[in-house]
């Protein structure tokens, strides 16, 4: 998660891909969605806007069907920001989306 938060998209891709290959069960789509979102930013940095839009859309599609609290992370804000960034990429050739929110654990309820 630290690589995602630091914007180290290539290294993040490698880490998520390794986890994704080792994971079975209901959380595999969450890892694949995070992987695709990270790769979308790598494409964008390399000037491949179309590839960035496709992977951001696919990653977001995988995360949208999941609860906001997955894998010990709060993905609600990421889903919201990724959707806004996808809209921006699709509607403007000039705009560069801002950063993604940090991947963080959900807030602990007050006890």
PDB file of N, CA and C in Angstrom:
ATOM      1  N   UNK A   1       0.815  -1.182   0.000  1.00  0.00           N
ATOM      2  CA  UNK A   1       0.000   0.000   0.000  1.00  0.00           C
ATOM      3  C   UNK A   1       0.870   1.262   0.000  1.00  0.00           C
ATOM      4  N   UNK A   2       2.032   1.175   0.615  1.00  0.00           N
ATOM      5  CA  UNK A   2       2.912   2.344   0.669  1.00  0.00           C
ATOM      6  C   UNK A   2       3.352   2.765  -0.735  1.00  0.00           C
ATOM      7  N   UNK A   3       3.562   1.805  -1.626  1.00  0.00           N
ATOM      8  CA  UNK A   3       3.959   2.137  -2.994  1.00  0.00           C
ATOM      9  C   UNK A   3       2.833   2.858  -3.730  1.00  0.00           C
ATOM     10  N   UNK A   4       1.592   2.448  -3.506  1.00  0.00           N
ATOM     11  CA  UNK A   4       0.435   3.120  -4.099  1.00  0.00           C
ATOM     12  C   UNK A   4       0.374   4.552  -3.583  1.00  0.00           C
ATOM     13  N   UNK A   5       0.489   4.708  -2.266  1.00  0.00           N
ATOM     14  CA  UNK A   5       0.418   6.042  -1.650  1.00  0.00           C
ATOM     15  C   UNK A   5       1.543   6.952  -2.125  1.00  0.00           C
ATOM     16  N   UNK A   6       2.706   6.381  -2.424  1.00  0.00           N
ATOM     17  CA  UNK A   6       3.865   7.174  -2.862  1.00  0.00           C
ATOM     18  C   UNK A   6       3.840   7.452  -4.368  1.00  0.00           C
ATOM     19  N   UNK A   7       2.875   6.873  -5.078  1.00  0.00           N
ATOM     20  CA  UNK A   7       2.821   7.081  -6.518  1.00  0.00           C
ATOM     21  C   UNK A   7       3.895   6.318  -7.273  1.00  0.00           C
ATOM     22  N   UNK A   8       4.399   5.260  -6.675  1.00  0.00           N
ATOM     23  CA  UNK A   8       5.387   4.398  -7.324  1.00  0.00           C
ATOM     24  C   UNK A   8       4.626   3.332  -8.116  1.00  0.00           C
ATOM     25  N   UNK A   9       4.072   3.748  -9.261  1.00  0.00           N
ATOM     26  CA  UNK A   9       3.088   2.938  -9.964  1.00  0.00           C
ATOM     27  C   UNK A   9       3.657   1.632 -10.523  1.00  0.00           C
ATOM     28  N   UNK A  10       4.867   1.651 -11.057  1.00  0.00           N
ATOM     29  CA  UNK A  10       5.427   0.421 -11.615  1.00  0.00           C
ATOM     30  C   UNK A  10       5.686  -0.609 -10.513  1.00  0.00           C
ATOM     31  N   UNK A  11       6.326  -0.181  -9.449  1.00  0.00           N
ATOM     32  CA  UNK A  11       6.597  -1.087  -8.331  1.00  0.00           C
ATOM     33  C   UNK A  11       5.294  -1.542  -7.669  1.00  0.00           C
ATOM     34  N   UNK A  12       4.344  -0.635  -7.579  1.00  0.00           N
ATOM     35  CA  UNK A  12       3.035  -0.963  -7.010  1.00  0.00           C
ATOM     36  C   UNK A  12       2.368  -2.054  -7.847  1.00  0.00           C
ATOM     37  N   UNK A  13       2.439  -1.905  -9.154  1.00  0.00           N
ATOM     38  CA  UNK A  13       1.888  -2.905 -10.065  1.00  0.00           C
ATOM     39  C   UNK A  13       2.484  -4.276  -9.779  1.00  0.00           C
ATOM     40  N   UNK A  14       3.803  -4.327  -9.665  1.00  0.00           N
ATOM     41  CA  UNK A  14       4.464  -5.605  -9.410  1.00  0.00           C
ATOM     42  C   UNK A  14       3.986  -6.235  -8.102  1.00  0.00           C
ATOM     43  N   UNK A  15       3.880  -5.418  -7.057  1.00  0.00           N
ATOM     44  CA  UNK A  15       3.444  -5.928  -5.758  1.00  0.00           C
ATOM     45  C   UNK A  15       2.010  -6.418  -5.766  1.00  0.00           C
ATOM     46  N   UNK A  16       1.101  -5.623  -6.332  1.00  0.00           N
ATOM     47  CA  UNK A  16      -0.300  -6.031  -6.397  1.00  0.00           C
ATOM     48  C   UNK A  16      -0.477  -7.261  -7.286  1.00  0.00           C
ATOM     49  N   UNK A  17       0.287  -7.327  -8.372  1.00  0.00           N
ATOM     50  CA  UNK A  17       0.170  -8.481  -9.259  1.00  0.00           C
ATOM     51  C   UNK A  17       0.591  -9.761  -8.543  1.00  0.00           C
ATOM     52  N   UNK A  18       1.677  -9.697  -7.784  1.00  0.00           N
ATOM     53  CA  UNK A  18       2.118 -10.871  -7.035  1.00  0.00           C
ATOM     54  C   UNK A  18       1.054 -11.302  -6.024  1.00  0.00           C
ATOM     55  N   UNK A  19       0.489 -10.348  -5.303  1.00  0.00           N
ATOM     56  CA  UNK A  19      -0.578 -10.672  -4.347  1.00  0.00           C
ATOM     57  C   UNK A  19      -1.802 -11.239  -5.051  1.00  0.00           C
ATOM     58  N   UNK A  20      -2.155 -10.633  -6.172  1.00  0.00           N
ATOM     59  CA  UNK A  20      -3.331 -11.061  -6.919  1.00  0.00           C
ATOM     60  C   UNK A  20      -3.189 -12.517  -7.358  1.00  0.00           C
ATOM     61  N   UNK A  21      -2.010 -12.894  -7.842  1.00  0.00           N
ATOM     62  CA  UNK A  21      -1.796 -14.268  -8.279  1.00  0.00           C
ATOM     63  C   UNK A  21      -1.876 -15.260  -7.126  1.00  0.00           C
ATOM     64  N   UNK A  22      -1.552 -14.814  -5.931  1.00  0.00           N
ATOM     65  CA  UNK A  22      -1.566 -15.698  -4.760  1.00  0.00           C
ATOM     66  C   UNK A  22      -2.917 -15.738  -4.055  1.00  0.00           C
ATOM     67  N   UNK A  23      -3.838 -14.871  -4.449  1.00  0.00           N
ATOM     68  CA  UNK A  23      -5.101 -14.727  -3.735  1.00  0.00           C
ATOM     69  C   UNK A  23      -6.225 -15.436  -4.464  1.00  0.00           C
ATOM     70  N   UNK A  24      -7.028 -16.163  -3.699  1.00  0.00           N
ATOM     71  CA  UNK A  24      -8.245 -16.774  -4.228  1.00  0.00           C
ATOM     72  C   UNK A  24      -9.399 -16.261  -3.379  1.00  0.00           C
ATOM     73  N   UNK A  25     -10.567 -16.378  -3.880  1.00  0.00           N
ATOM     74  CA  UNK A  25     -11.718 -16.005  -3.089  1.00  0.00           C
ATOM     75  C   UNK A  25     -12.269 -14.633  -3.423  1.00  0.00           C
ATOM     76  N   UNK A  26     -13.137 -14.144  -2.540  1.00  0.00           N
ATOM     77  CA  UNK A  26     -13.919 -12.944  -2.869  1.00  0.00           C
ATOM     78  C   UNK A  26     -13.111 -11.645  -2.947  1.00  0.00           C
ATOM     79  N   UNK A  27     -11.907 -11.610  -2.402  1.00  0.00           N
ATOM     80  CA  UNK A  27     -11.159 -10.345  -2.412  1.00  0.00           C
ATOM     81  C   UNK A  27     -10.202 -10.224  -3.595  1.00  0.00           C
ATOM     82  N   UNK A  28     -10.155 -11.257  -4.408  1.00  0.00           N
ATOM     83  CA  UNK A  28      -9.288 -11.184  -5.586  1.00  0.00           C
ATOM     84  C   UNK A  28      -9.669 -10.012  -6.510  1.00  0.00           C
ATOM     85  N   UNK A  29     -10.955  -9.753  -6.751  1.00  0.00           N
ATOM     86  CA  UNK A  29     -11.297  -8.595  -7.590  1.00  0.00           C
ATOM     87  C   UNK A  29     -10.837  -7.263  -6.999  1.00  0.00           C
ATOM     88  N   UNK A  30     -10.769  -7.159  -5.678  1.00  0.00           N
ATOM     89  CA  UNK A  30     -10.286  -5.913  -5.055  1.00  0.00           C
ATOM     90  C   UNK A  30      -8.819  -5.692  -5.406  1.00  0.00           C
ATOM     91  N   UNK A  31      -8.025  -6.736  -5.317  1.00  0.00           N
ATOM     92  CA  UNK A  31      -6.613  -6.616  -5.676  1.00  0.00           C
ATOM     93  C   UNK A  31      -6.444  -6.301  -7.154  1.00  0.00           C
ATOM     94  N   UNK A  32      -7.252  -6.948  -7.993  1.00  0.00           N
ATOM     95  CA  UNK A  32      -7.152  -6.678  -9.423  1.00  0.00           C
ATOM     96  C   UNK A  32      -7.578  -5.236  -9.724  1.00  0.00           C
ATOM     97  N   UNK A  33      -8.608  -4.746  -9.044  1.00  0.00           N
ATOM     98  CA  UNK A  33      -9.038  -3.365  -9.243  1.00  0.00           C
ATOM     99  C   UNK A  33      -7.966  -2.377  -8.833  1.00  0.00           C
ATOM    100  N   UNK A  34      -7.331  -2.602  -7.691  1.00  0.00           N
ATOM    101  CA  UNK A  34      -6.243  -1.727  -7.249  1.00  0.00           C
ATOM    102  C   UNK A  34      -5.073  -1.778  -8.220  1.00  0.00           C
ATOM    103  N   UNK A  35      -4.763  -2.961  -8.700  1.00  0.00           N
ATOM    104  CA  UNK A  35      -3.696  -3.141  -9.684  1.00  0.00           C
ATOM    105  C   UNK A  35      -4.003  -2.346 -10.947  1.00  0.00           C
ATOM    106  N   UNK A  36      -5.224  -2.449 -11.449  1.00  0.00           N
ATOM    107  CA  UNK A  36      -5.586  -1.745 -12.670  1.00  0.00           C
ATOM    108  C   UNK A  36      -5.581  -0.226 -12.480  1.00  0.00           C
ATOM    109  N   UNK A  37      -6.002   0.235 -11.336  1.00  0.00           N
ATOM    110  CA  UNK A  37      -5.981   1.673 -11.074  1.00  0.00           C
ATOM    111  C   UNK A  37      -4.545   2.180 -11.029  1.00  0.00           C
ATOM    112  N   UNK A  38      -3.651   1.422 -10.408  1.00  0.00           N
ATOM    113  CA  UNK A  38      -2.237   1.823 -10.376  1.00  0.00           C
ATOM    114  C   UNK A  38      -1.646   1.855 -11.785  1.00  0.00           C
ATOM    115  N   UNK A  39      -1.944   0.841 -12.585  1.00  0.00           N
ATOM    116  CA  UNK A  39      -1.412   0.799 -13.944  1.00  0.00           C
ATOM    117  C   UNK A  39      -2.010   1.921 -14.792  1.00  0.00           C
ATOM    118  N   UNK A  40      -3.235   2.316 -14.504  1.00  0.00           N
ATOM    119  CA  UNK A  40      -3.826   3.430 -15.254  1.00  0.00           C
ATOM    120  C   UNK A  40      -3.004   4.698 -15.073  1.00  0.00           C
ATOM    121  N   UNK A  41      -2.523   4.909 -13.854  1.00  0.00           N
ATOM    122  CA  UNK A  41      -1.710   6.102 -13.608  1.00  0.00           C
ATOM    123  C   UNK A  41      -0.349   5.991 -14.300  1.00  0.00           C
ATOM    124  N   UNK A  42       0.209   4.799 -14.350  1.00  0.00           N
ATOM    125  CA  UNK A  42       1.457   4.581 -15.071  1.00  0.00           C
ATOM    126  C   UNK A  42       1.269   4.911 -16.559  1.00  0.00           C
ATOM    127  N   UNK A  43       0.169   4.447 -17.140  1.00  0.00           N
ATOM    128  CA  UNK A  43      -0.131   4.774 -18.534  1.00  0.00           C
ATOM    129  C   UNK A  43      -0.256   6.288 -18.733  1.00  0.00           C
ATOM    130  N   UNK A  44      -0.926   6.937 -17.817  1.00  0.00           N
ATOM    131  CA  UNK A  44      -1.121   8.383 -17.934  1.00  0.00           C
ATOM    132  C   UNK A  44       0.215   9.116 -17.885  1.00  0.00           C
ATOM    133  N   UNK A  45       1.080   8.714 -16.971  1.00  0.00           N
ATOM    134  CA  UNK A  45       2.398   9.343 -16.867  1.00  0.00           C
ATOM    135  C   UNK A  45       3.225   9.129 -18.129  1.00  0.00           C
ATOM    136  N   UNK A  46       2.981   8.048 -18.834  1.00  0.00           N
ATOM    137  CA  UNK A  46       3.732   7.736 -20.058  1.00  0.00           C
ATOM    138  C   UNK A  46       3.047   8.277 -21.318  1.00  0.00           C
ATOM    139  N   UNK A  47       1.965   9.042 -21.120  1.00  0.00           N
ATOM    140  CA  UNK A  47       1.294   9.673 -22.246  1.00  0.00           C
ATOM    141  C   UNK A  47       0.249   8.821 -22.943  1.00  0.00           C
ATOM    142  N   UNK A  48      -0.098   7.688 -22.381  1.00  0.00           N
ATOM    143  CA  UNK A  48      -1.105   6.807 -22.977  1.00  0.00           C
ATOM    144  C   UNK A  48      -2.451   7.068 -22.298  1.00  0.00           C
ATOM    145  N   UNK A  49      -3.079   8.158 -22.692  1.00  0.00           N
ATOM    146  CA  UNK A  49      -4.334   8.593 -22.078  1.00  0.00           C
ATOM    147  C   UNK A  49      -5.450   7.561 -22.288  1.00  0.00           C
ATOM    148  N   UNK A  50      -5.533   7.011 -23.492  1.00  0.00           N
ATOM    149  CA  UNK A  50      -6.588   6.034 -23.773  1.00  0.00           C
ATOM    150  C   UNK A  50      -6.416   4.791 -22.890  1.00  0.00           C
ATOM    151  N   UNK A  51      -5.187   4.279 -22.799  1.00  0.00           N
ATOM    152  CA  UNK A  51      -4.930   3.137 -21.928  1.00  0.00           C
ATOM    153  C   UNK A  51      -5.242   3.438 -20.476  1.00  0.00           C
ATOM    154  N   UNK A  52      -4.939   4.672 -20.054  1.00  0.00           N
ATOM    155  CA  UNK A  52      -5.237   5.086 -18.681  1.00  0.00           C
ATOM    156  C   UNK A  52      -6.741   5.073 -18.428  1.00  0.00           C
ATOM    157  N   UNK A  53      -7.516   5.585 -19.381  1.00  0.00           N
ATOM    158  CA  UNK A  53      -8.977   5.599 -19.216  1.00  0.00           C
ATOM    159  C   UNK A  53      -9.539   4.187 -19.155  1.00  0.00           C
ATOM    160  N   UNK A  54      -9.048   3.324 -20.032  1.00  0.00           N
ATOM    161  CA  UNK A  54      -9.557   1.950 -20.061  1.00  0.00           C
ATOM    162  C   UNK A  54      -9.267   1.244 -18.740  1.00  0.00           C
ATOM    163  N   UNK A  55      -8.025   1.305 -18.277  1.00  0.00           N
ATOM    164  CA  UNK A  55      -7.676   0.592 -17.038  1.00  0.00           C
ATOM    165  C   UNK A  55      -8.309   1.220 -15.805  1.00  0.00           C
ATOM    166  N   UNK A  56      -8.426   2.540 -15.781  1.00  0.00           N
ATOM    167  CA  UNK A  56      -9.101   3.188 -14.649  1.00  0.00           C
ATOM    168  C   UNK A  56     -10.563   2.755 -14.600  1.00  0.00           C
ATOM    169  N   UNK A  57     -11.208   2.704 -15.766  1.00  0.00           N
ATOM    170  CA  UNK A  57     -12.599   2.247 -15.814  1.00  0.00           C
ATOM    171  C   UNK A  57     -12.757   0.804 -15.389  1.00  0.00           C
ATOM    172  N   UNK A  58     -11.850  -0.065 -15.847  1.00  0.00           N
ATOM    173  CA  UNK A  58     -11.927  -1.476 -15.470  1.00  0.00           C
ATOM    174  C   UNK A  58     -11.657  -1.668 -13.982  1.00  0.00           C
ATOM    175  N   UNK A  59     -10.647  -0.976 -13.462  1.00  0.00           N
ATOM    176  CA  UNK A  59     -10.344  -1.087 -12.038  1.00  0.00           C
ATOM    177  C   UNK A  59     -11.483  -0.579 -11.175  1.00  0.00           C
ATOM    178  N   UNK A  60     -12.025   0.563 -11.562  1.00  0.00           N
ATOM    179  CA  UNK A  60     -13.157   1.126 -10.823  1.00  0.00           C
ATOM    180  C   UNK A  60     -14.356   0.185 -10.883  1.00  0.00           C
ATOM    181  N   UNK A  61     -14.582  -0.417 -12.042  1.00  0.00           N
ATOM    182  CA  UNK A  61     -15.692  -1.357 -12.169  1.00  0.00           C
ATOM    183  C   UNK A  61     -15.560  -2.536 -11.223  1.00  0.00           C
ATOM    184  N   UNK A  62     -14.343  -3.015 -11.018  1.00  0.00           N
ATOM    185  CA  UNK A  62     -14.133  -4.120 -10.082  1.00  0.00           C
ATOM    186  C   UNK A  62     -14.370  -3.677  -8.640  1.00  0.00           C
ATOM    187  N   UNK A  63     -13.969  -2.466  -8.307  1.00  0.00           N
ATOM    188  CA  UNK A  63     -14.127  -1.993  -6.927  1.00  0.00           C
ATOM    189  C   UNK A  63     -15.556  -1.571  -6.618  1.00  0.00           C
ATOM    190  N   UNK A  64     -16.277  -1.073  -7.605  1.00  0.00           N
ATOM    191  CA  UNK A  64     -17.644  -0.576  -7.356  1.00  0.00           C
ATOM    192  C   UNK A  64     -18.554  -1.648  -6.780  1.00  0.00           C
ATOM    193  N   UNK A  65     -18.380  -2.881  -7.177  1.00  0.00           N
ATOM    194  CA  UNK A  65     -19.246  -3.949  -6.697  1.00  0.00           C
ATOM    195  C   UNK A  65     -18.885  -4.465  -5.311  1.00  0.00           C
ATOM    196  N   UNK A  66     -17.844  -3.917  -4.719  1.00  0.00           N
ATOM    197  CA  UNK A  66     -17.375  -4.385  -3.413  1.00  0.00           C
ATOM    198  C   UNK A  66     -17.753  -3.397  -2.329  1.00  0.00           C
ATOM    199  N   UNK A  67     -17.826  -3.859  -1.083  1.00  0.00           N
ATOM    200  CA  UNK A  67     -18.062  -2.920   0.018  1.00  0.00           C
ATOM    201  C   UNK A  67     -16.898  -1.933   0.135  1.00  0.00           C
ATOM    202  N   UNK A  68     -17.142  -0.816   0.794  1.00  0.00           N
ATOM    203  CA  UNK A  68     -16.095   0.199   0.967  1.00  0.00           C
ATOM    204  C   UNK A  68     -14.976  -0.280   1.885  1.00  0.00           C
ATOM    205  N   UNK A  69     -15.260  -1.194   2.772  1.00  0.00           N
ATOM    206  CA  UNK A  69     -14.255  -1.724   3.701  1.00  0.00           C
ATOM    207  C   UNK A  69     -13.821  -3.099   3.201  1.00  0.00           C
ATOM    208  N   UNK A  70     -12.642  -3.142   2.568  1.00  0.00           N
ATOM    209  CA  UNK A  70     -12.143  -4.386   1.960  1.00  0.00           C
ATOM    210  C   UNK A  70     -10.662  -4.516   2.263  1.00  0.00           C
ATOM    211  N   UNK A  71     -10.227  -5.732   2.542  1.00  0.00           N
ATOM    212  CA  UNK A  71      -8.808  -6.028   2.767  1.00  0.00           C
ATOM    213  C   UNK A  71      -8.205  -5.163   3.870  1.00  0.00           C
ATOM    214  N   UNK A  72      -9.009  -4.786   4.835  1.00  0.00           N
ATOM    215  CA  UNK A  72      -8.521  -3.924   5.907  1.00  0.00           C
ATOM    216  C   UNK A  72      -8.318  -2.487   5.474  1.00  0.00           C
ATOM    217  N   UNK A  73      -8.864  -2.101   4.329  1.00  0.00           N
ATOM    218  CA  UNK A  73      -8.709  -0.747   3.809  1.00  0.00           C
ATOM    219  C   UNK A  73     -10.062  -0.086   3.629  1.00  0.00           C
ATOM    220  N   UNK A  74     -10.058   1.230   3.686  1.00  0.00           N
ATOM    221  CA  UNK A  74     -11.244   2.013   3.388  1.00  0.00           C
ATOM    222  C   UNK A  74     -11.131   2.465   1.939  1.00  0.00           C
ATOM    223  N   UNK A  75     -11.836   1.786   1.041  1.00  0.00           N
ATOM    224  CA  UNK A  75     -11.746   2.077  -0.380  1.00  0.00           C
ATOM    225  C   UNK A  75     -12.835   3.023  -0.871  1.00  0.00           C
ATOM    226  N   UNK A  76     -13.720   3.470   0.026  1.00  0.00           N
ATOM    227  CA  UNK A  76     -14.810   4.353  -0.381  1.00  0.00           C
ATOM    228  C   UNK A  76     -14.320   5.635  -1.029  1.00  0.00           C
ATOM    229  N   UNK A  77     -13.368   6.297  -0.422  1.00  0.00           N
ATOM    230  CA  UNK A  77     -12.848   7.542  -0.970  1.00  0.00           C
ATOM    231  C   UNK A  77     -12.120   7.294  -2.292  1.00  0.00           C
ATOM    232  N   UNK A  78     -11.366   6.207  -2.382  1.00  0.00           N
ATOM    233  CA  UNK A  78     -10.663   5.888  -3.618  1.00  0.00           C
ATOM    234  C   UNK A  78     -11.662   5.685  -4.758  1.00  0.00           C
ATOM    235  N   UNK A  79     -12.757   4.977  -4.502  1.00  0.00           N
ATOM    236  CA  UNK A  79     -13.757   4.756  -5.546  1.00  0.00           C
ATOM    237  C   UNK A  79     -14.359   6.086  -5.999  1.00  0.00           C
ATOM    238  N   UNK A  80     -14.631   6.953  -5.063  1.00  0.00           N
ATOM    239  CA  UNK A  80     -15.204   8.265  -5.393  1.00  0.00           C
ATOM    240  C   UNK A  80     -14.230   9.091  -6.237  1.00  0.00           C
ATOM    241  N   UNK A  81     -12.981   9.178  -5.819  1.00  0.00           N
ATOM    242  CA  UNK A  81     -11.975   9.969  -6.533  1.00  0.00           C
ATOM    243  C   UNK A  81     -11.679   9.357  -7.899  1.00  0.00           C
ATOM    244  N   UNK A  82     -11.581   8.039  -7.975  1.00  0.00           N
ATOM    245  CA  UNK A  82     -11.312   7.384  -9.260  1.00  0.00           C
ATOM    246  C   UNK A  82     -12.442   7.653 -10.252  1.00  0.00           C
ATOM    247  N   UNK A  83     -13.684   7.647  -9.778  1.00  0.00           N
ATOM    248  CA  UNK A  83     -14.814   7.945 -10.660  1.00  0.00           C
ATOM    249  C   UNK A  83     -14.736   9.380 -11.184  1.00  0.00           C
ATOM    250  N   UNK A  84     -14.399  10.320 -10.310  1.00  0.00           N
ATOM    251  CA  UNK A  84     -14.270  11.720 -10.726  1.00  0.00           C
ATOM    252  C   UNK A  84     -13.119  11.883 -11.719  1.00  0.00           C
ATOM    253  N   UNK A  85     -12.019  11.186 -11.484  1.00  0.00           N
ATOM    254  CA  UNK A  85     -10.879  11.272 -12.392  1.00  0.00           C
ATOM    255  C   UNK A  85     -11.212  10.656 -13.752  1.00  0.00           C
ATOM    256  N   UNK A  86     -11.948   9.575 -13.758  1.00  0.00           N
ATOM    257  CA  UNK A  86     -12.350   8.961 -15.015  1.00  0.00           C
ATOM    258  C   UNK A  86     -13.226   9.930 -15.809  1.00  0.00           C
ATOM    259  N   UNK A  87     -14.169  10.579 -15.140  1.00  0.00           N
ATOM    260  CA  UNK A  87     -15.007  11.580 -15.806  1.00  0.00           C
ATOM    261  C   UNK A  87     -14.151  12.696 -16.388  1.00  0.00           C
ATOM    262  N   UNK A  88     -13.168  13.153 -15.638  1.00  0.00           N
ATOM    263  CA  UNK A  88     -12.283  14.219 -16.100  1.00  0.00           C
ATOM    264  C   UNK A  88     -11.483  13.775 -17.315  1.00  0.00           C
ATOM    265  N   UNK A  89     -10.930  12.591 -17.277  1.00  0.00           N
ATOM    266  CA  UNK A  89     -10.153  12.086 -18.415  1.00  0.00           C
ATOM    267  C   UNK A  89     -11.021  11.937 -19.664  1.00  0.00           C
ATOM    268  N   UNK A  90     -12.267  11.529 -19.472  1.00  0.00           N
ATOM    269  CA  UNK A  90     -13.148  11.315 -20.614  1.00  0.00           C
ATOM    270  C   UNK A  90     -13.674  12.622 -21.197  1.00  0.00           C
ATOM    271  N   UNK A  91     -13.694  13.681 -20.397  1.00  0.00           N
ATOM    272  CA  UNK A  91     -14.305  14.923 -20.861  1.00  0.00           C
ATOM    273  C   UNK A  91     -13.318  16.002 -21.283  1.00  0.00           C
ATOM    274  N   UNK A  92     -12.044  15.856 -20.988  1.00  0.00           N
ATOM    275  CA  UNK A  92     -11.092  16.915 -21.289  1.00  0.00           C
ATOM    276  C   UNK A  92      -9.763  16.332 -21.738  1.00  0.00           C
ATOM    277  N   UNK A  93      -9.289  16.798 -22.862  1.00  0.00           N
ATOM    278  CA  UNK A  93      -7.980  16.363 -23.355  1.00  0.00           C
ATOM    279  C   UNK A  93      -6.836  17.010 -22.585  1.00  0.00           C
ATOM    280  N   UNK A  94      -7.063  18.161 -21.975  1.00  0.00           N
ATOM    281  CA  UNK A  94      -6.003  18.922 -21.332  1.00  0.00           C
ATOM    282  C   UNK A  94      -5.828  18.592 -19.854  1.00  0.00           C
ATOM    283  N   UNK A  95      -6.884  18.179 -19.201  1.00  0.00           N
ATOM    284  CA  UNK A  95      -6.844  18.028 -17.743  1.00  0.00           C
ATOM    285  C   UNK A  95      -6.006  16.832 -17.312  1.00  0.00           C
ATOM    286  N   UNK A  96      -5.250  17.022 -16.267  1.00  0.00           N
ATOM    287  CA  UNK A  96      -4.483  15.953 -15.628  1.00  0.00           C
ATOM    288  C   UNK A  96      -5.103  15.736 -14.253  1.00  0.00           C
ATOM    289  N   UNK A  97      -5.594  14.534 -13.981  1.00  0.00           N
ATOM    290  CA  UNK A  97      -6.234  14.312 -12.681  1.00  0.00           C
ATOM    291  C   UNK A  97      -5.260  14.477 -11.531  1.00  0.00           C
ATOM    292  N   UNK A  98      -5.803  14.830 -10.386  1.00  0.00           N
ATOM    293  CA  UNK A  98      -5.001  14.983  -9.186  1.00  0.00           C
ATOM    294  C   UNK A  98      -4.637  13.630  -8.598  1.00  0.00           C
ATOM    295  N   UNK A  99      -4.035  13.642  -7.425  1.00  0.00           N
ATOM    296  CA  UNK A  99      -3.599  12.386  -6.808  1.00  0.00           C
ATOM    297  C   UNK A  99      -4.781  11.561  -6.296  1.00  0.00           C
ATOM    298  N   UNK A 100      -4.519  10.292  -6.132  1.00  0.00           N
ATOM    299  CA  UNK A 100      -5.485   9.418  -5.484  1.00  0.00           C
ATOM    300  C   UNK A 100      -5.370   9.604  -3.978  1.00  0.00           C
ATOM    301  N   UNK A 101      -6.440   9.322  -3.238  1.00  0.00           N
ATOM    302  CA  UNK A 101      -6.321   9.361  -1.780  1.00  0.00           C
ATOM    303  C   UNK A 101      -5.417   8.225  -1.304  1.00  0.00           C
ATOM    304  N   UNK A 102      -4.867   8.397  -0.129  1.00  0.00           N
ATOM    305  CA  UNK A 102      -4.028   7.349   0.456  1.00  0.00           C
ATOM    306  C   UNK A 102      -4.887   6.135   0.778  1.00  0.00           C
ATOM    307  N   UNK A 103      -4.312   4.957   0.585  1.00  0.00           N
ATOM    308  CA  UNK A 103      -4.983   3.728   1.006  1.00  0.00           C
ATOM    309  C   UNK A 103      -4.791   3.617   2.512  1.00  0.00           C
ATOM    310  N   UNK A 104      -5.862   3.610   3.232  1.00  0.00           N
ATOM    311  CA  UNK A 104      -5.752   3.612   4.689  1.00  0.00           C
ATOM    312  C   UNK A 104      -6.778   2.670   5.292  1.00  0.00           C
ATOM    313  N   UNK A 105      -6.484   2.206   6.488  1.00  0.00           N
ATOM    314  CA  UNK A 105      -7.462   1.370   7.174  1.00  0.00           C
ATOM    315  C   UNK A 105      -8.674   2.193   7.548  1.00  0.00           C
ATOM    316  N   UNK A 106      -9.837   1.553   7.667  1.00  0.00           N
ATOM    317  CA  UNK A 106     -11.015   2.295   8.088  1.00  0.00           C
ATOM    318  C   UNK A 106     -10.824   2.849   9.492  1.00  0.00           C
ATOM    319  N   UNK A 107     -11.540   3.912   9.772  1.00  0.00           N
ATOM    320  CA  UNK A 107     -11.481   4.509  11.106  1.00  0.00           C
ATOM    321  C   UNK A 107     -12.046   3.549  12.126  1.00  0.00           C
ATOM    322  N   UNK A 108     -11.402   3.476  13.247  1.00  0.00           N
ATOM    323  CA  UNK A 108     -11.886   2.643  14.337  1.00  0.00           C
ATOM    324  C   UNK A 108     -13.079   3.336  14.981  1.00  0.00           C
ATOM    325  N   UNK A 109     -14.156   2.595  15.274  1.00  0.00           N
ATOM    326  CA  UNK A 109     -15.279   3.222  15.975  1.00  0.00           C
ATOM    327  C   UNK A 109     -14.870   3.580  17.391  1.00  0.00           C
ATOM    328  N   UNK A 110     -15.464   4.639  17.906  1.00  0.00           N
ATOM    329  CA  UNK A 110     -15.187   5.045  19.290  1.00  0.00           C
ATOM    330  C   UNK A 110     -15.686   3.962  20.238  1.00  0.00           C
ATOM    331  N   UNK A 111     -14.874   3.665  21.225  1.00  0.00           N
ATOM    332  CA  UNK A 111     -15.263   2.644  22.202  1.00  0.00           C
ATOM    333  C   UNK A 111     -15.472   3.268  23.552  1.00  0.00           C
TER     334      UNK A 111
END
